């Protein structure tokens, strides 16, 4: 465990991003007697992304006159909910679909408008992100080239429709047959379910 920096503590009081396997959560609740068996089918193959707006962010929105008050009606509507959700989620997960790493590399290779030298760099960057994670790969790239070069290379990859977050050909020793996965964090890819109270629930 490490201590959070002052900036991280302030951010933690603003927003929280939660990602979890809803299917597994329901299965555990059923075992614990906290959910009905019928709910397992309803949430089958569901991965949930949640953005929690905390008091610090709400107060900041009011002070900056972005929101009028703290009422649920102010936040829970199509315009504000979409804006508050998309702002942090798209910064982390982007908008493009997720590709298997070998498929993403082939897309770069097949592009005729990019020079071979640039293709080599883009493919290396994609491999670095896949193996080291985005933050570590960024640090490596900025040190080797520059912040501007890193942003430009990321933009070039994304322009090809590739999400810089890719998945491996094998996961836990098993070959992955799928070559792409819809970006499940995008609101347009959400699934409407009926929750226990009968209200619409975007998952």
N, C-alpha and C. Protein backbone atom coordinates (compact mmCIF):
# COMPACT_ATOMS: atom_id res chain seq x y z
N UNK A 1 0.85 -1.19 0.00
CA UNK A 1 0.00 0.00 0.00
C UNK A 1 0.89 1.24 0.00
N UNK A 2 0.54 2.22 -0.82
CA UNK A 2 1.28 3.48 -0.81
C UNK A 2 0.33 4.62 -0.47
N UNK A 3 0.88 5.68 0.08
CA UNK A 3 0.06 6.83 0.43
C UNK A 3 -0.31 7.60 -0.84
N UNK A 4 -1.55 8.07 -0.87
CA UNK A 4 -1.99 8.86 -2.02
C UNK A 4 -1.38 10.25 -1.96
N UNK A 5 -1.04 10.79 -3.12
CA UNK A 5 -0.54 12.16 -3.18
C UNK A 5 -1.69 13.13 -2.89
N UNK A 6 -1.35 14.39 -2.63
CA UNK A 6 -2.37 15.40 -2.35
C UNK A 6 -3.33 15.53 -3.53
N UNK A 7 -2.77 15.49 -4.76
CA UNK A 7 -3.59 15.59 -5.97
C UNK A 7 -4.53 14.39 -6.09
N UNK A 8 -4.02 13.20 -5.78
CA UNK A 8 -4.83 11.98 -5.86
C UNK A 8 -5.96 12.00 -4.83
N UNK A 9 -5.66 12.51 -3.63
CA UNK A 9 -6.68 12.62 -2.59
C UNK A 9 -7.79 13.57 -3.02
N UNK A 10 -7.40 14.69 -3.64
CA UNK A 10 -8.40 15.65 -4.10
C UNK A 10 -9.26 15.04 -5.20
N UNK A 11 -8.63 14.31 -6.12
CA UNK A 11 -9.37 13.66 -7.21
C UNK A 11 -10.30 12.59 -6.66
N UNK A 12 -9.85 11.87 -5.61
CA UNK A 12 -10.67 10.81 -5.02
C UNK A 12 -11.94 11.36 -4.40
N UNK A 13 -11.92 12.64 -4.04
CA UNK A 13 -13.10 13.29 -3.47
C UNK A 13 -14.00 13.88 -4.56
N UNK A 14 -13.56 13.74 -5.81
CA UNK A 14 -14.32 14.29 -6.94
C UNK A 14 -15.12 13.22 -7.67
N UNK A 15 -14.42 12.21 -8.16
CA UNK A 15 -15.07 11.17 -8.95
C UNK A 15 -14.43 9.81 -8.68
N UNK A 16 -15.21 8.77 -8.90
CA UNK A 16 -14.69 7.41 -8.76
C UNK A 16 -15.19 6.58 -9.93
N UNK A 17 -14.28 5.87 -10.57
CA UNK A 17 -14.63 5.02 -11.71
C UNK A 17 -14.57 3.56 -11.26
N UNK A 18 -15.68 2.85 -11.39
CA UNK A 18 -15.74 1.45 -10.98
C UNK A 18 -16.03 0.56 -12.19
N UNK A 19 -15.26 -0.51 -12.34
CA UNK A 19 -15.48 -1.47 -13.41
C UNK A 19 -15.53 -2.86 -12.80
N UNK A 20 -16.55 -3.61 -13.11
CA UNK A 20 -16.65 -4.94 -12.53
C UNK A 20 -17.54 -5.85 -13.34
N UNK A 21 -17.36 -7.14 -13.12
CA UNK A 21 -18.14 -8.17 -13.79
C UNK A 21 -19.47 -8.33 -13.05
N UNK A 22 -20.53 -7.81 -13.63
CA UNK A 22 -21.84 -7.85 -12.99
C UNK A 22 -22.34 -9.29 -12.85
N UNK A 23 -22.01 -10.12 -13.82
CA UNK A 23 -22.42 -11.53 -13.79
C UNK A 23 -21.87 -12.21 -12.54
N UNK A 24 -20.55 -12.02 -12.28
CA UNK A 24 -19.92 -12.64 -11.13
C UNK A 24 -20.49 -12.08 -9.82
N UNK A 25 -20.77 -10.78 -9.82
CA UNK A 25 -21.33 -10.15 -8.62
C UNK A 25 -22.67 -10.78 -8.25
N UNK A 26 -23.53 -10.97 -9.25
CA UNK A 26 -24.85 -11.56 -9.01
C UNK A 26 -24.71 -13.01 -8.55
N UNK A 27 -23.77 -13.75 -9.17
CA UNK A 27 -23.54 -15.14 -8.77
C UNK A 27 -23.16 -15.22 -7.29
N UNK A 28 -22.30 -14.29 -6.84
CA UNK A 28 -21.90 -14.27 -5.43
C UNK A 28 -23.07 -13.90 -4.53
N UNK A 29 -23.89 -12.95 -4.97
CA UNK A 29 -25.04 -12.54 -4.17
C UNK A 29 -26.07 -13.67 -4.04
N UNK A 30 -26.22 -14.45 -5.11
CA UNK A 30 -27.14 -15.59 -5.07
C UNK A 30 -26.65 -16.61 -4.04
N UNK A 31 -25.32 -16.87 -4.06
CA UNK A 31 -24.74 -17.81 -3.10
C UNK A 31 -24.90 -17.33 -1.66
N UNK A 32 -24.86 -16.01 -1.48
CA UNK A 32 -24.98 -15.41 -0.15
C UNK A 32 -26.44 -15.19 0.26
N UNK A 33 -27.37 -15.51 -0.66
CA UNK A 33 -28.79 -15.32 -0.37
C UNK A 33 -29.24 -13.88 -0.45
N UNK A 34 -28.45 -13.03 -1.16
CA UNK A 34 -28.77 -11.61 -1.28
C UNK A 34 -29.41 -11.26 -2.62
N UNK A 35 -29.58 -12.25 -3.48
CA UNK A 35 -30.21 -12.04 -4.79
C UNK A 35 -30.94 -13.31 -5.20
N UNK A 36 -31.92 -13.14 -6.10
CA UNK A 36 -32.69 -14.29 -6.58
C UNK A 36 -31.98 -14.97 -7.74
N UNK A 37 -32.18 -16.25 -7.88
CA UNK A 37 -31.58 -17.04 -8.96
C UNK A 37 -31.95 -16.49 -10.33
N UNK A 38 -33.16 -15.93 -10.44
CA UNK A 38 -33.64 -15.40 -11.73
C UNK A 38 -32.81 -14.22 -12.23
N UNK A 39 -32.11 -13.55 -11.32
CA UNK A 39 -31.31 -12.39 -11.70
C UNK A 39 -30.04 -12.79 -12.46
N UNK A 40 -29.60 -14.04 -12.31
CA UNK A 40 -28.39 -14.50 -12.98
C UNK A 40 -28.55 -14.43 -14.50
N UNK A 41 -29.72 -14.83 -15.00
CA UNK A 41 -29.97 -14.80 -16.44
C UNK A 41 -30.05 -13.37 -16.96
N UNK A 42 -30.65 -12.50 -16.15
CA UNK A 42 -30.82 -11.09 -16.53
C UNK A 42 -29.48 -10.38 -16.73
N UNK A 43 -28.50 -10.73 -15.91
CA UNK A 43 -27.20 -10.07 -15.97
C UNK A 43 -26.11 -10.97 -16.56
N UNK A 44 -26.49 -11.93 -17.39
CA UNK A 44 -25.52 -12.83 -17.99
C UNK A 44 -24.62 -12.08 -18.98
N UNK A 45 -23.32 -12.31 -18.86
CA UNK A 45 -22.32 -11.68 -19.74
C UNK A 45 -22.38 -10.16 -19.72
N UNK A 46 -22.56 -9.59 -18.54
CA UNK A 46 -22.62 -8.13 -18.40
C UNK A 46 -21.40 -7.63 -17.63
N UNK A 47 -20.73 -6.65 -18.22
CA UNK A 47 -19.61 -5.97 -17.56
C UNK A 47 -20.06 -4.53 -17.33
N UNK A 48 -19.96 -4.07 -16.10
CA UNK A 48 -20.51 -2.75 -15.78
C UNK A 48 -19.41 -1.72 -15.55
N UNK A 49 -19.64 -0.54 -16.08
CA UNK A 49 -18.77 0.61 -15.85
C UNK A 49 -19.60 1.68 -15.16
N UNK A 50 -19.14 2.15 -14.01
CA UNK A 50 -19.89 3.16 -13.27
C UNK A 50 -19.00 4.38 -13.00
N UNK A 51 -19.58 5.55 -13.09
CA UNK A 51 -18.90 6.78 -12.70
C UNK A 51 -19.65 7.34 -11.50
N UNK A 52 -18.95 7.44 -10.37
CA UNK A 52 -19.57 7.97 -9.16
C UNK A 52 -19.13 9.43 -8.97
N UNK A 53 -20.11 10.33 -8.95
CA UNK A 53 -19.84 11.74 -8.75
C UNK A 53 -19.88 12.03 -7.25
N UNK A 54 -18.78 12.47 -6.69
CA UNK A 54 -18.70 12.68 -5.25
C UNK A 54 -18.98 14.13 -4.87
N UNK A 55 -19.08 14.35 -3.56
CA UNK A 55 -19.50 15.66 -3.06
C UNK A 55 -18.57 16.80 -3.50
N UNK A 56 -17.27 16.53 -3.53
CA UNK A 56 -16.33 17.57 -3.95
C UNK A 56 -16.60 18.04 -5.37
N UNK A 57 -16.88 17.09 -6.28
CA UNK A 57 -17.18 17.42 -7.67
C UNK A 57 -18.51 18.16 -7.79
N UNK A 58 -19.49 17.72 -7.01
CA UNK A 58 -20.81 18.38 -7.04
C UNK A 58 -20.69 19.83 -6.57
N UNK A 59 -19.96 20.05 -5.46
CA UNK A 59 -19.75 21.42 -4.96
C UNK A 59 -18.99 22.27 -5.97
N UNK A 60 -17.99 21.65 -6.61
CA UNK A 60 -17.21 22.36 -7.63
C UNK A 60 -18.10 22.77 -8.80
N UNK A 61 -18.99 21.86 -9.23
CA UNK A 61 -19.90 22.17 -10.34
C UNK A 61 -20.82 23.34 -10.01
N UNK A 62 -21.28 23.38 -8.75
CA UNK A 62 -22.16 24.48 -8.33
C UNK A 62 -21.39 25.79 -8.27
N UNK A 63 -20.17 25.73 -7.70
CA UNK A 63 -19.34 26.95 -7.59
C UNK A 63 -18.98 27.52 -8.94
N UNK A 64 -18.76 26.63 -9.91
CA UNK A 64 -18.41 27.08 -11.27
C UNK A 64 -19.65 27.33 -12.13
N UNK A 65 -20.84 27.19 -11.50
CA UNK A 65 -22.13 27.39 -12.15
C UNK A 65 -22.36 26.45 -13.33
N UNK A 66 -21.74 25.24 -13.24
CA UNK A 66 -21.98 24.22 -14.26
C UNK A 66 -23.30 23.50 -13.97
N UNK A 67 -23.64 23.38 -12.70
CA UNK A 67 -24.89 22.76 -12.26
C UNK A 67 -25.56 23.70 -11.28
N UNK A 68 -26.89 23.67 -11.23
CA UNK A 68 -27.62 24.62 -10.37
C UNK A 68 -27.72 24.16 -8.91
N UNK A 69 -27.80 22.84 -8.70
CA UNK A 69 -27.95 22.33 -7.34
C UNK A 69 -27.52 20.86 -7.26
N UNK A 70 -27.79 20.23 -6.11
CA UNK A 70 -27.37 18.84 -5.88
C UNK A 70 -28.50 17.84 -6.11
N UNK A 71 -29.62 18.28 -6.61
CA UNK A 71 -30.77 17.40 -6.77
C UNK A 71 -30.49 16.30 -7.80
N UNK A 72 -31.15 15.15 -7.63
CA UNK A 72 -30.97 14.02 -8.54
C UNK A 72 -31.43 14.38 -9.95
N UNK A 73 -32.43 15.26 -10.05
CA UNK A 73 -32.95 15.65 -11.36
C UNK A 73 -31.90 16.42 -12.17
N UNK A 74 -31.05 17.15 -11.46
CA UNK A 74 -30.00 17.93 -12.14
C UNK A 74 -28.97 17.02 -12.80
N UNK A 75 -28.69 15.89 -12.17
CA UNK A 75 -27.65 14.99 -12.66
C UNK A 75 -28.20 13.83 -13.48
N UNK A 76 -29.36 13.34 -13.09
CA UNK A 76 -29.89 12.14 -13.74
C UNK A 76 -30.83 12.51 -14.88
N UNK A 77 -30.23 12.97 -15.98
CA UNK A 77 -30.97 13.25 -17.21
C UNK A 77 -30.03 12.97 -18.37
N UNK A 78 -30.57 12.85 -19.56
CA UNK A 78 -29.79 12.40 -20.72
C UNK A 78 -28.55 13.26 -20.97
N UNK A 79 -28.69 14.57 -20.95
CA UNK A 79 -27.58 15.47 -21.28
C UNK A 79 -26.46 15.40 -20.24
N UNK A 80 -26.81 15.65 -18.98
CA UNK A 80 -25.78 15.72 -17.94
C UNK A 80 -25.18 14.36 -17.61
N UNK A 81 -26.01 13.32 -17.60
CA UNK A 81 -25.49 11.98 -17.32
C UNK A 81 -24.49 11.57 -18.39
N UNK A 82 -24.83 11.81 -19.66
CA UNK A 82 -23.93 11.46 -20.77
C UNK A 82 -22.62 12.21 -20.67
N UNK A 83 -22.70 13.51 -20.39
CA UNK A 83 -21.50 14.34 -20.31
C UNK A 83 -20.60 13.92 -19.14
N UNK A 84 -21.21 13.69 -17.98
CA UNK A 84 -20.44 13.31 -16.79
C UNK A 84 -19.83 11.92 -16.93
N UNK A 85 -20.51 11.04 -17.63
CA UNK A 85 -20.00 9.69 -17.85
C UNK A 85 -18.87 9.69 -18.88
N UNK A 86 -19.12 10.32 -20.02
CA UNK A 86 -18.17 10.27 -21.13
C UNK A 86 -16.84 10.96 -20.83
N UNK A 87 -16.89 12.05 -20.06
CA UNK A 87 -15.68 12.83 -19.81
C UNK A 87 -14.54 12.00 -19.25
N UNK A 88 -14.71 11.26 -18.14
CA UNK A 88 -13.58 10.46 -17.63
C UNK A 88 -13.38 9.14 -18.37
N UNK A 89 -14.48 8.50 -18.78
CA UNK A 89 -14.39 7.16 -19.37
C UNK A 89 -13.66 7.19 -20.71
N UNK A 90 -13.98 8.16 -21.56
CA UNK A 90 -13.34 8.22 -22.88
C UNK A 90 -11.85 8.58 -22.78
N UNK A 91 -11.49 9.31 -21.71
CA UNK A 91 -10.07 9.63 -21.52
C UNK A 91 -9.27 8.37 -21.20
N UNK A 92 -9.92 7.42 -20.53
CA UNK A 92 -9.23 6.20 -20.12
C UNK A 92 -9.31 5.11 -21.18
N UNK A 93 -10.51 4.89 -21.73
CA UNK A 93 -10.74 3.76 -22.63
C UNK A 93 -10.87 4.13 -24.10
N UNK A 94 -10.83 5.42 -24.42
CA UNK A 94 -10.97 5.84 -25.81
C UNK A 94 -12.36 5.53 -26.36
N UNK A 95 -12.51 5.70 -27.67
CA UNK A 95 -13.81 5.47 -28.31
C UNK A 95 -13.81 4.28 -29.26
N UNK A 96 -12.62 3.88 -29.71
CA UNK A 96 -12.54 2.77 -30.67
C UNK A 96 -12.73 1.42 -29.99
N UNK A 97 -13.06 0.42 -30.80
CA UNK A 97 -13.21 -0.94 -30.29
C UNK A 97 -11.84 -1.52 -29.95
N UNK A 98 -11.84 -2.56 -29.11
CA UNK A 98 -10.60 -3.21 -28.68
C UNK A 98 -10.24 -4.33 -29.65
N UNK A 99 -8.97 -4.34 -30.10
CA UNK A 99 -8.50 -5.37 -31.04
C UNK A 99 -7.51 -6.30 -30.37
N UNK A 100 -7.46 -7.53 -30.86
CA UNK A 100 -6.39 -8.45 -30.48
C UNK A 100 -5.11 -7.86 -31.04
N UNK A 101 -4.02 -7.94 -30.30
CA UNK A 101 -2.78 -7.25 -30.66
C UNK A 101 -2.29 -7.59 -32.06
N UNK A 102 -2.35 -8.87 -32.45
CA UNK A 102 -1.84 -9.25 -33.77
C UNK A 102 -2.69 -8.66 -34.89
N UNK A 103 -3.99 -8.53 -34.64
CA UNK A 103 -4.90 -7.95 -35.64
C UNK A 103 -4.64 -6.46 -35.78
N UNK A 104 -4.43 -5.79 -34.66
CA UNK A 104 -4.14 -4.35 -34.67
C UNK A 104 -2.85 -4.06 -35.43
N UNK A 105 -1.84 -4.89 -35.23
CA UNK A 105 -0.56 -4.70 -35.92
C UNK A 105 -0.71 -4.88 -37.43
N UNK A 106 -1.55 -5.81 -37.84
CA UNK A 106 -1.80 -6.04 -39.27
C UNK A 106 -2.51 -4.85 -39.91
N UNK A 107 -3.42 -4.23 -39.15
CA UNK A 107 -4.14 -3.05 -39.67
C UNK A 107 -3.14 -1.93 -39.96
N UNK A 108 -2.19 -1.75 -39.06
CA UNK A 108 -1.16 -0.73 -39.28
C UNK A 108 -0.32 -1.09 -40.49
N UNK A 109 0.09 -2.35 -40.60
CA UNK A 109 0.93 -2.81 -41.71
C UNK A 109 0.27 -2.60 -43.07
N UNK A 110 -1.05 -2.82 -43.13
CA UNK A 110 -1.76 -2.75 -44.40
C UNK A 110 -2.05 -1.33 -44.87
N UNK A 111 -1.90 -0.36 -43.99
CA UNK A 111 -2.19 1.02 -44.36
C UNK A 111 -1.11 1.56 -45.30
N UNK A 112 -1.53 2.04 -46.45
CA UNK A 112 -0.59 2.49 -47.48
C UNK A 112 -0.22 3.96 -47.36
N UNK A 113 -0.94 4.69 -46.52
CA UNK A 113 -0.68 6.13 -46.40
C UNK A 113 0.37 6.46 -45.33
N UNK A 114 0.78 5.45 -44.58
CA UNK A 114 1.77 5.66 -43.53
C UNK A 114 3.13 5.11 -43.97
N UNK A 115 4.17 5.89 -43.75
CA UNK A 115 5.51 5.45 -44.13
C UNK A 115 5.93 4.25 -43.29
N UNK A 116 6.76 3.39 -43.87
CA UNK A 116 7.20 2.18 -43.18
C UNK A 116 7.93 2.48 -41.86
N UNK A 117 8.71 3.56 -41.85
CA UNK A 117 9.43 3.94 -40.64
C UNK A 117 8.45 4.29 -39.52
N UNK A 118 7.39 5.00 -39.89
CA UNK A 118 6.37 5.38 -38.90
C UNK A 118 5.59 4.16 -38.46
N UNK A 119 5.31 3.25 -39.40
CA UNK A 119 4.60 2.02 -39.06
C UNK A 119 5.35 1.23 -37.99
N UNK A 120 6.67 1.16 -38.15
CA UNK A 120 7.50 0.43 -37.19
C UNK A 120 7.37 1.03 -35.80
N UNK A 121 7.35 2.36 -35.72
CA UNK A 121 7.23 3.04 -34.43
C UNK A 121 5.84 2.82 -33.83
N UNK A 122 4.82 2.93 -34.65
CA UNK A 122 3.44 2.75 -34.15
C UNK A 122 3.23 1.34 -33.61
N UNK A 123 3.78 0.37 -34.32
CA UNK A 123 3.64 -1.03 -33.88
C UNK A 123 4.40 -1.28 -32.58
N UNK A 124 5.57 -0.68 -32.47
CA UNK A 124 6.35 -0.82 -31.24
C UNK A 124 5.62 -0.19 -30.07
N UNK A 125 5.04 0.99 -30.28
CA UNK A 125 4.30 1.67 -29.22
C UNK A 125 3.10 0.83 -28.78
N UNK A 126 2.41 0.25 -29.75
CA UNK A 126 1.24 -0.59 -29.44
C UNK A 126 1.65 -1.81 -28.62
N UNK A 127 2.79 -2.40 -28.98
CA UNK A 127 3.29 -3.56 -28.23
C UNK A 127 3.69 -3.16 -26.80
N UNK A 128 4.31 -1.98 -26.68
CA UNK A 128 4.72 -1.49 -25.36
C UNK A 128 3.49 -1.30 -24.46
N UNK A 129 2.44 -0.69 -25.00
CA UNK A 129 1.22 -0.47 -24.22
C UNK A 129 0.59 -1.80 -23.83
N UNK A 130 0.62 -2.75 -24.76
CA UNK A 130 0.03 -4.07 -24.51
C UNK A 130 0.77 -4.81 -23.38
N UNK A 131 2.09 -4.69 -23.37
CA UNK A 131 2.90 -5.45 -22.41
C UNK A 131 3.14 -4.70 -21.10
N UNK A 132 3.32 -3.38 -21.19
CA UNK A 132 3.71 -2.60 -20.01
C UNK A 132 2.57 -1.81 -19.40
N UNK A 133 1.51 -1.60 -20.17
CA UNK A 133 0.44 -0.72 -19.71
C UNK A 133 0.63 0.67 -20.27
N UNK A 134 -0.45 1.44 -20.32
CA UNK A 134 -0.43 2.76 -20.97
C UNK A 134 0.55 3.71 -20.30
N UNK A 135 0.50 3.83 -18.97
CA UNK A 135 1.31 4.82 -18.25
C UNK A 135 2.80 4.56 -18.41
N UNK A 136 3.22 3.31 -18.23
CA UNK A 136 4.65 2.98 -18.35
C UNK A 136 5.13 3.15 -19.78
N UNK A 137 4.29 2.75 -20.74
CA UNK A 137 4.64 2.90 -22.16
C UNK A 137 4.78 4.38 -22.52
N UNK A 138 3.90 5.19 -21.96
CA UNK A 138 3.97 6.63 -22.22
C UNK A 138 5.27 7.21 -21.68
N UNK A 139 5.63 6.84 -20.45
CA UNK A 139 6.88 7.33 -19.85
C UNK A 139 8.09 6.96 -20.72
N UNK A 140 8.08 5.72 -21.21
CA UNK A 140 9.17 5.25 -22.07
C UNK A 140 9.23 6.08 -23.36
N UNK A 141 8.06 6.30 -23.97
CA UNK A 141 8.00 6.99 -25.27
C UNK A 141 8.37 8.47 -25.14
N UNK A 142 7.91 9.10 -24.08
CA UNK A 142 8.21 10.52 -23.85
C UNK A 142 9.70 10.70 -23.61
N UNK A 143 10.29 9.76 -22.86
CA UNK A 143 11.73 9.84 -22.59
C UNK A 143 12.54 9.62 -23.86
N UNK A 144 12.08 8.71 -24.70
CA UNK A 144 12.81 8.39 -25.94
C UNK A 144 12.60 9.46 -27.01
N UNK A 145 11.37 9.98 -27.10
CA UNK A 145 11.05 10.98 -28.12
C UNK A 145 10.64 12.29 -27.45
N UNK A 146 9.32 12.46 -27.25
CA UNK A 146 8.80 13.66 -26.57
C UNK A 146 7.31 13.47 -26.30
N UNK A 147 6.76 14.35 -25.48
CA UNK A 147 5.32 14.31 -25.18
C UNK A 147 4.50 14.51 -26.45
N UNK A 148 4.93 15.45 -27.28
CA UNK A 148 4.22 15.75 -28.53
C UNK A 148 4.22 14.54 -29.46
N UNK A 149 5.39 13.90 -29.57
CA UNK A 149 5.51 12.71 -30.43
C UNK A 149 4.60 11.59 -29.94
N UNK A 150 4.56 11.42 -28.63
CA UNK A 150 3.69 10.39 -28.05
C UNK A 150 2.24 10.66 -28.43
N UNK A 151 1.77 11.88 -28.23
CA UNK A 151 0.38 12.23 -28.56
C UNK A 151 0.09 12.04 -30.04
N UNK A 152 1.05 12.43 -30.88
CA UNK A 152 0.88 12.28 -32.33
C UNK A 152 0.77 10.82 -32.74
N UNK A 153 1.60 9.97 -32.14
CA UNK A 153 1.58 8.54 -32.47
C UNK A 153 0.29 7.88 -31.99
N UNK A 154 -0.16 8.27 -30.81
CA UNK A 154 -1.44 7.76 -30.29
C UNK A 154 -2.57 8.16 -31.23
N UNK A 155 -2.55 9.41 -31.67
CA UNK A 155 -3.59 9.92 -32.58
C UNK A 155 -3.59 9.17 -33.90
N UNK A 156 -2.39 8.87 -34.43
CA UNK A 156 -2.27 8.13 -35.69
C UNK A 156 -2.90 6.73 -35.56
N UNK A 157 -2.61 6.08 -34.43
CA UNK A 157 -3.16 4.74 -34.19
C UNK A 157 -4.68 4.81 -34.10
N UNK A 158 -5.18 5.77 -33.35
CA UNK A 158 -6.63 5.91 -33.16
C UNK A 158 -7.34 6.29 -34.45
N UNK A 159 -6.66 7.05 -35.31
CA UNK A 159 -7.24 7.43 -36.60
C UNK A 159 -7.50 6.21 -37.47
N UNK A 160 -6.73 5.14 -37.24
CA UNK A 160 -6.92 3.90 -37.99
C UNK A 160 -8.08 3.07 -37.43
N UNK A 161 -8.75 3.60 -36.39
CA UNK A 161 -9.87 2.88 -35.78
C UNK A 161 -9.44 1.88 -34.72
N UNK A 162 -8.17 1.96 -34.33
CA UNK A 162 -7.63 1.01 -33.34
C UNK A 162 -7.62 1.65 -31.96
N UNK A 163 -8.10 0.93 -30.98
CA UNK A 163 -7.95 1.36 -29.60
C UNK A 163 -6.56 0.97 -29.15
N UNK A 164 -5.84 1.87 -28.51
CA UNK A 164 -4.45 1.57 -28.11
C UNK A 164 -4.41 0.51 -27.01
N UNK A 165 -5.55 0.22 -26.39
CA UNK A 165 -5.63 -0.86 -25.42
C UNK A 165 -6.02 -2.13 -26.17
N UNK A 166 -5.11 -3.07 -26.26
CA UNK A 166 -5.34 -4.31 -27.01
C UNK A 166 -5.31 -5.51 -26.07
N UNK A 167 -5.78 -6.66 -26.57
CA UNK A 167 -5.70 -7.87 -25.76
C UNK A 167 -4.85 -8.93 -26.47
N UNK A 168 -4.32 -9.86 -25.70
CA UNK A 168 -3.37 -10.84 -26.21
C UNK A 168 -4.03 -11.96 -27.00
N UNK A 169 -3.21 -12.68 -27.78
CA UNK A 169 -3.68 -13.85 -28.54
C UNK A 169 -4.01 -15.01 -27.62
N UNK A 170 -3.34 -15.03 -26.46
CA UNK A 170 -3.63 -16.06 -25.46
C UNK A 170 -3.87 -15.40 -24.11
N UNK A 171 -4.92 -15.84 -23.41
CA UNK A 171 -5.21 -15.34 -22.08
C UNK A 171 -5.35 -16.55 -21.16
N UNK A 172 -4.56 -16.55 -20.10
CA UNK A 172 -4.52 -17.71 -19.17
C UNK A 172 -4.22 -19.02 -19.91
N UNK A 173 -3.35 -18.94 -20.93
CA UNK A 173 -2.94 -20.13 -21.66
C UNK A 173 -3.90 -20.59 -22.74
N UNK A 174 -5.04 -19.91 -22.85
CA UNK A 174 -6.05 -20.29 -23.85
C UNK A 174 -6.04 -19.32 -25.02
N UNK A 175 -6.11 -19.86 -26.24
CA UNK A 175 -6.12 -19.03 -27.44
C UNK A 175 -7.43 -18.24 -27.51
N UNK A 176 -7.31 -16.97 -27.89
CA UNK A 176 -8.48 -16.10 -28.03
C UNK A 176 -8.88 -16.08 -29.49
N UNK A 177 -10.07 -16.57 -29.78
CA UNK A 177 -10.55 -16.64 -31.16
C UNK A 177 -11.03 -15.29 -31.69
N UNK A 178 -11.63 -14.48 -30.83
CA UNK A 178 -12.17 -13.20 -31.27
C UNK A 178 -11.06 -12.24 -31.64
N UNK A 179 -11.25 -11.51 -32.73
CA UNK A 179 -10.21 -10.55 -33.13
C UNK A 179 -10.53 -9.13 -32.68
N UNK A 180 -11.78 -8.89 -32.27
CA UNK A 180 -12.17 -7.56 -31.79
C UNK A 180 -13.30 -7.67 -30.78
N UNK A 181 -13.35 -6.69 -29.88
CA UNK A 181 -14.41 -6.61 -28.88
C UNK A 181 -14.97 -5.20 -28.91
N UNK A 182 -16.28 -5.08 -28.96
CA UNK A 182 -16.92 -3.77 -28.92
C UNK A 182 -16.45 -3.02 -27.68
N UNK A 183 -16.26 -1.73 -27.81
CA UNK A 183 -15.86 -0.93 -26.66
C UNK A 183 -17.06 -0.82 -25.72
N UNK A 184 -17.11 -1.74 -24.76
CA UNK A 184 -18.26 -1.85 -23.86
C UNK A 184 -18.40 -0.66 -22.92
N UNK A 185 -17.39 0.21 -22.86
CA UNK A 185 -17.49 1.38 -21.98
C UNK A 185 -18.28 2.51 -22.63
N UNK A 186 -18.45 2.45 -23.96
CA UNK A 186 -19.21 3.50 -24.65
C UNK A 186 -20.69 3.39 -24.35
N UNK A 187 -21.34 4.50 -24.07
CA UNK A 187 -22.76 4.48 -23.75
C UNK A 187 -23.60 3.91 -24.89
N UNK A 188 -23.18 4.15 -26.13
CA UNK A 188 -23.95 3.66 -27.27
C UNK A 188 -23.91 2.14 -27.38
N UNK A 189 -22.96 1.51 -26.67
CA UNK A 189 -22.88 0.05 -26.67
C UNK A 189 -23.50 -0.57 -25.42
N UNK A 190 -24.18 0.26 -24.62
CA UNK A 190 -24.76 -0.24 -23.38
C UNK A 190 -25.98 -1.10 -23.66
N UNK A 191 -26.35 -1.89 -22.66
CA UNK A 191 -27.50 -2.78 -22.76
C UNK A 191 -28.55 -2.33 -21.76
N UNK A 192 -29.79 -2.15 -22.23
CA UNK A 192 -30.87 -1.76 -21.32
C UNK A 192 -31.42 -2.98 -20.61
N UNK A 193 -31.44 -2.92 -19.28
CA UNK A 193 -32.02 -3.98 -18.47
C UNK A 193 -33.07 -3.38 -17.53
N UNK A 194 -33.93 -4.22 -17.03
CA UNK A 194 -34.86 -3.79 -16.00
C UNK A 194 -34.30 -4.17 -14.65
N UNK A 195 -34.07 -3.17 -13.78
CA UNK A 195 -33.55 -3.51 -12.46
C UNK A 195 -34.68 -3.94 -11.54
N UNK A 196 -34.34 -4.27 -10.31
CA UNK A 196 -35.32 -4.85 -9.39
C UNK A 196 -36.47 -3.89 -9.09
N UNK A 197 -36.25 -2.59 -9.30
CA UNK A 197 -37.30 -1.62 -9.04
C UNK A 197 -38.13 -1.34 -10.29
N UNK A 198 -37.74 -1.98 -11.40
CA UNK A 198 -38.50 -1.81 -12.63
C UNK A 198 -38.06 -0.63 -13.47
N UNK A 199 -36.99 0.04 -13.06
CA UNK A 199 -36.50 1.20 -13.82
C UNK A 199 -35.49 0.75 -14.86
N UNK A 200 -35.34 1.56 -15.91
CA UNK A 200 -34.32 1.25 -16.91
C UNK A 200 -32.94 1.41 -16.30
N UNK A 201 -32.07 0.49 -16.65
CA UNK A 201 -30.72 0.49 -16.10
C UNK A 201 -29.75 0.24 -17.23
N UNK A 202 -28.91 1.24 -17.56
CA UNK A 202 -27.92 1.07 -18.62
C UNK A 202 -26.72 0.35 -18.07
N UNK A 203 -26.38 -0.76 -18.69
CA UNK A 203 -25.26 -1.59 -18.24
C UNK A 203 -24.22 -1.69 -19.34
